[in-house]
Amino acid sequence: MKPLFTHSDLRKMGISARRGKWSWLVELDKIPAFASWLTCRHGFIQQSPDTGEVLVAYKHGERLEVTYDGKRTRCGRHLMALWYTFACFCLCRSS
């Protein structure tokens, strides 16, 4: 069976993670539920995304964004932690 990621892909993901960017983490079909969870439960204010962005939210001057380049989603470290919290407590319950 062919591996899902090549050695080069894994190396690039490792470099991005060390820089504070996370690739292929946020699932596109779950973004509306995630945005709703951020605004209703955690007080973030959602803004209309610009070109290349799929989610933009603000709270106390902090900007969270998920970008999409046609192949993968990419987000920062803080949003990564919020995504894992959402995935653990909300996605697992709905399964």
C-alpha atoms as a PDB file:
ATOM      1  CA  MET A   1       0.000   0.000   0.000  1.00  0.00           C
ATOM      2  CA  LYS A   2       1.259   3.452  -0.907  1.00  0.00           C
ATOM      3  CA  PRO A   3       1.920   5.717   2.097  1.00  0.00           C
ATOM      4  CA  LEU A   4      -0.483   8.611   2.585  1.00  0.00           C
ATOM      5  CA  PHE A   5       2.339  11.171   2.886  1.00  0.00           C
ATOM      6  CA  THR A   6       5.753  11.055   1.246  1.00  0.00           C
ATOM      7  CA  HIS A   7       8.948  11.686   3.193  1.00  0.00           C
ATOM      8  CA  SER A   8       9.121  15.144   1.620  1.00  0.00           C
ATOM      9  CA  ASP A   9       5.541  15.943   2.725  1.00  0.00           C
ATOM     10  CA  LEU A  10       6.305  14.852   6.294  1.00  0.00           C
ATOM     11  CA  ARG A  11       9.448  16.985   6.353  1.00  0.00           C
ATOM     12  CA  LYS A  12       7.518  20.036   5.116  1.00  0.00           C
ATOM     13  CA  MET A  13       4.777  19.477   7.701  1.00  0.00           C
ATOM     14  CA  GLY A  14       7.415  19.226  10.438  1.00  0.00           C
ATOM     15  CA  ILE A  15       8.982  22.511   9.350  1.00  0.00           C
ATOM     16  CA  SER A  16       5.567  24.206   9.256  1.00  0.00           C
ATOM     17  CA  ALA A  17       4.699  22.867  12.720  1.00  0.00           C
ATOM     18  CA  ARG A  18       7.938  24.234  14.153  1.00  0.00           C
ATOM     19  CA  ARG A  19       7.047  27.611  12.640  1.00  0.00           C
ATOM     20  CA  GLY A  20       3.645  27.472  14.322  1.00  0.00           C
ATOM     21  CA  LYS A  21       1.541  26.556  11.274  1.00  0.00           C
ATOM     22  CA  TRP A  22      -0.526  23.383  11.072  1.00  0.00           C
ATOM     23  CA  SER A  23      -1.504  21.899   7.717  1.00  0.00           C
ATOM     24  CA  TRP A  24      -4.348  19.486   6.879  1.00  0.00           C
ATOM     25  CA  LEU A  25      -5.794  19.774  10.391  1.00  0.00           C
ATOM     26  CA  VAL A  26      -9.150  21.538  10.077  1.00  0.00           C
ATOM     27  CA  GLU A  27     -11.696  19.643   7.981  1.00  0.00           C
ATOM     28  CA  LEU A  28     -13.535  21.805   5.445  1.00  0.00           C
ATOM     29  CA  ASP A  29     -16.916  20.182   5.983  1.00  0.00           C
ATOM     30  CA  LYS A  30     -16.708  20.785   9.763  1.00  0.00           C
ATOM     31  CA  ILE A  31     -15.894  24.522   9.532  1.00  0.00           C
ATOM     32  CA  PRO A  32     -19.518  25.788   9.852  1.00  0.00           C
ATOM     33  CA  ALA A  33     -20.012  23.777  13.061  1.00  0.00           C
ATOM     34  CA  PHE A  34     -16.600  24.883  14.365  1.00  0.00           C
ATOM     35  CA  ALA A  35     -17.382  28.549  13.614  1.00  0.00           C
ATOM     36  CA  SER A  36     -20.708  28.235  15.405  1.00  0.00           C
ATOM     37  CA  TRP A  37     -18.989  26.634  18.403  1.00  0.00           C
ATOM     38  CA  LEU A  38     -16.416  29.458  18.531  1.00  0.00           C
ATOM     39  CA  THR A  39     -19.027  32.228  18.388  1.00  0.00           C
ATOM     40  CA  CYS A  40     -21.739  30.743  20.618  1.00  0.00           C
ATOM     41  CA  ARG A  41     -19.671  29.061  23.304  1.00  0.00           C
ATOM     42  CA  HIS A  42     -16.466  31.080  23.389  1.00  0.00           C
ATOM     43  CA  GLY A  43     -17.483  34.602  22.426  1.00  0.00           C
ATOM     44  CA  PHE A  44     -15.494  34.980  19.211  1.00  0.00           C
ATOM     45  CA  ILE A  45     -16.830  37.372  16.580  1.00  0.00           C
ATOM     46  CA  GLN A  46     -16.853  35.896  13.108  1.00  0.00           C
ATOM     47  CA  GLN A  47     -15.879  38.015  10.095  1.00  0.00           C
ATOM     48  CA  SER A  48     -16.358  37.376   6.401  1.00  0.00           C
ATOM     49  CA  PRO A  49     -13.242  35.648   5.058  1.00  0.00           C
ATOM     50  CA  ASP A  50     -11.075  37.198   2.358  1.00  0.00           C
ATOM     51  CA  THR A  51      -9.607  35.388  -0.629  1.00  0.00           C
ATOM     52  CA  GLY A  52      -7.833  32.215   0.484  1.00  0.00           C
ATOM     53  CA  GLU A  53      -9.442  32.181   3.936  1.00  0.00           C
ATOM     54  CA  VAL A  54     -12.276  29.930   5.043  1.00  0.00           C
ATOM     55  CA  LEU A  55     -12.659  31.087   8.659  1.00  0.00           C
ATOM     56  CA  VAL A  56     -11.786  34.364  10.391  1.00  0.00           C
ATOM     57  CA  ALA A  57     -12.703  35.063  14.015  1.00  0.00           C
ATOM     58  CA  TYR A  58     -11.748  37.770  16.529  1.00  0.00           C
ATOM     59  CA  LYS A  59     -11.758  38.033  20.312  1.00  0.00           C
ATOM     60  CA  HIS A  60      -9.975  40.631  22.452  1.00  0.00           C
ATOM     61  CA  GLY A  61      -7.781  41.717  19.534  1.00  0.00           C
ATOM     62  CA  GLU A  62      -6.670  38.189  18.675  1.00  0.00           C
ATOM     63  CA  ARG A  63      -7.320  37.044  15.114  1.00  0.00           C
ATOM     64  CA  LEU A  64      -7.850  33.386  14.302  1.00  0.00           C
ATOM     65  CA  GLU A  65      -7.839  32.298  10.682  1.00  0.00           C
ATOM     66  CA  VAL A  66      -7.976  29.131   8.653  1.00  0.00           C
ATOM     67  CA  THR A  67      -6.599  29.485   5.145  1.00  0.00           C
ATOM     68  CA  TYR A  68      -7.194  27.156   2.213  1.00  0.00           C
ATOM     69  CA  ASP A  69      -5.034  27.010  -0.911  1.00  0.00           C
ATOM     70  CA  GLY A  70      -7.118  24.512  -2.865  1.00  0.00           C
ATOM     71  CA  LYS A  71      -5.309  21.467  -1.459  1.00  0.00           C
ATOM     72  CA  ARG A  72      -4.973  21.892   2.297  1.00  0.00           C
ATOM     73  CA  THR A  73      -6.153  23.956   5.208  1.00  0.00           C
ATOM     74  CA  ARG A  74      -3.612  25.780   7.338  1.00  0.00           C
ATOM     75  CA  CYS A  75      -3.969  27.388  10.768  1.00  0.00           C
ATOM     76  CA  GLY A  76      -1.913  28.724  13.650  1.00  0.00           C
ATOM     77  CA  ARG A  77      -1.082  27.146  16.990  1.00  0.00           C
ATOM     78  CA  HIS A  78      -3.898  28.717  19.031  1.00  0.00           C
ATOM     79  CA  LEU A  79      -6.545  27.670  16.535  1.00  0.00           C
ATOM     80  CA  MET A  80      -5.018  24.186  16.495  1.00  0.00           C
ATOM     81  CA  ALA A  81      -5.636  23.892  20.247  1.00  0.00           C
ATOM     82  CA  LEU A  82      -9.223  25.118  19.849  1.00  0.00           C
ATOM     83  CA  TRP A  83      -9.804  22.677  16.980  1.00  0.00           C
ATOM     84  CA  TYR A  84      -8.641  19.717  19.058  1.00  0.00           C
ATOM     85  CA  THR A  85     -10.914  20.823  21.909  1.00  0.00           C
ATOM     86  CA  PHE A  86     -13.828  21.069  19.487  1.00  0.00           C
ATOM     87  CA  ALA A  87     -12.979  17.702  17.950  1.00  0.00           C
ATOM     88  CA  CYS A  88     -12.744  15.973  21.325  1.00  0.00           C
ATOM     89  CA  PHE A  89     -15.845  17.391  22.970  1.00  0.00           C
ATOM     90  CA  CYS A  90     -18.228  18.099  20.070  1.00  0.00           C
ATOM     91  CA  LEU A  91     -17.397  15.802  17.170  1.00  0.00           C
ATOM     92  CA  CYS A  92     -17.103  12.703  19.360  1.00  0.00           C
ATOM     93  CA  ARG A  93     -20.558  13.269  20.839  1.00  0.00           C
ATOM     94  CA  SER A  94     -22.226  13.546  17.446  1.00  0.00           C
ATOM     95  CA  SER A  95     -20.741  10.282  16.150  1.00  0.00           C
END
